């Protein structure tokens, strides 16, 4: 999912994801399921 988002949205959005720590939130959500 994350890889798809990066490919579709581009580096700008990827930088926003990193800056807002969305990656950590996604990992936590993935571990809960």
N, C-alpha and C. Protein backbone atom coordinates (compact mmCIF):
# COMPACT_ATOMS: atom_id res chain seq x y z
N UNK A 1 0.84 -1.20 0.00
CA UNK A 1 0.00 0.00 0.00
C UNK A 1 0.87 1.25 0.00
N UNK A 2 1.82 1.31 0.92
CA UNK A 2 2.67 2.49 1.03
C UNK A 2 3.47 2.68 -0.25
N UNK A 3 3.98 1.59 -0.80
CA UNK A 3 4.76 1.66 -2.04
C UNK A 3 3.90 2.21 -3.17
N UNK A 4 2.64 1.76 -3.23
CA UNK A 4 1.72 2.24 -4.25
C UNK A 4 1.49 3.74 -4.11
N UNK A 5 1.33 4.19 -2.86
CA UNK A 5 1.11 5.61 -2.63
C UNK A 5 2.30 6.43 -3.10
N UNK A 6 3.49 5.94 -2.82
CA UNK A 6 4.71 6.66 -3.21
C UNK A 6 4.78 6.76 -4.74
N UNK A 7 4.51 5.64 -5.41
CA UNK A 7 4.60 5.64 -6.87
C UNK A 7 3.56 6.54 -7.50
N UNK A 8 2.36 6.55 -6.93
CA UNK A 8 1.26 7.31 -7.52
C UNK A 8 1.34 8.79 -7.19
N UNK A 9 1.83 9.12 -6.00
CA UNK A 9 1.79 10.51 -5.54
C UNK A 9 3.09 11.26 -5.81
N UNK A 10 4.20 10.54 -5.88
CA UNK A 10 5.46 11.20 -6.19
C UNK A 10 6.24 11.60 -4.94
N UNK A 11 7.42 12.15 -5.16
CA UNK A 11 8.34 12.43 -4.07
C UNK A 11 7.82 13.51 -3.13
N UNK A 12 7.07 14.50 -3.68
CA UNK A 12 6.58 15.58 -2.82
C UNK A 12 5.71 15.03 -1.70
N UNK A 13 4.75 14.20 -2.08
CA UNK A 13 3.85 13.62 -1.07
C UNK A 13 4.64 12.70 -0.15
N UNK A 14 5.59 11.97 -0.70
CA UNK A 14 6.43 11.08 0.11
C UNK A 14 7.15 11.88 1.19
N UNK A 15 7.66 13.06 0.84
CA UNK A 15 8.34 13.91 1.82
C UNK A 15 7.37 14.36 2.90
N UNK A 16 6.14 14.67 2.51
CA UNK A 16 5.12 15.06 3.48
C UNK A 16 4.82 13.90 4.42
N UNK A 17 4.76 12.69 3.88
CA UNK A 17 4.50 11.50 4.69
C UNK A 17 5.59 11.34 5.74
N UNK A 18 6.83 11.48 5.32
CA UNK A 18 7.95 11.31 6.25
C UNK A 18 7.91 12.40 7.33
N UNK A 19 7.66 13.63 6.91
CA UNK A 19 7.69 14.74 7.86
C UNK A 19 6.61 14.62 8.92
N UNK A 20 5.48 14.03 8.56
CA UNK A 20 4.37 13.95 9.50
C UNK A 20 4.32 12.61 10.20
N UNK A 21 5.35 11.78 9.97
CA UNK A 21 5.45 10.48 10.64
C UNK A 21 4.26 9.57 10.35
N UNK A 22 3.65 9.76 9.19
CA UNK A 22 2.53 8.89 8.81
C UNK A 22 3.00 7.45 8.70
N UNK A 23 4.26 7.28 8.31
CA UNK A 23 4.79 5.93 8.15
C UNK A 23 4.66 5.13 9.44
N UNK A 24 5.02 5.75 10.56
CA UNK A 24 4.92 5.06 11.84
C UNK A 24 3.48 4.71 12.16
N UNK A 25 2.54 5.60 11.81
CA UNK A 25 1.13 5.33 12.07
C UNK A 25 0.66 4.16 11.23
N UNK A 26 1.10 4.10 9.98
CA UNK A 26 0.71 3.01 9.09
C UNK A 26 1.25 1.69 9.64
N UNK A 27 2.48 1.70 10.13
CA UNK A 27 3.07 0.48 10.69
C UNK A 27 2.26 0.01 11.90
N UNK A 28 1.87 0.95 12.75
CA UNK A 28 1.09 0.58 13.93
C UNK A 28 -0.25 -0.01 13.52
N UNK A 29 -0.90 0.59 12.52
CA UNK A 29 -2.18 0.07 12.04
C UNK A 29 -2.01 -1.32 11.47
N UNK A 30 -0.92 -1.52 10.74
CA UNK A 30 -0.67 -2.82 10.12
C UNK A 30 -0.45 -3.89 11.19
N UNK A 31 0.21 -3.53 12.28
CA UNK A 31 0.48 -4.49 13.34
C UNK A 31 -0.79 -4.84 14.11
N UNK A 32 -1.75 -3.94 14.14
CA UNK A 32 -2.99 -4.18 14.87
C UNK A 32 -3.89 -5.16 14.13
N UNK A 33 -3.81 -5.19 12.83
CA UNK A 33 -4.71 -6.05 12.04
C UNK A 33 -4.17 -7.46 11.93
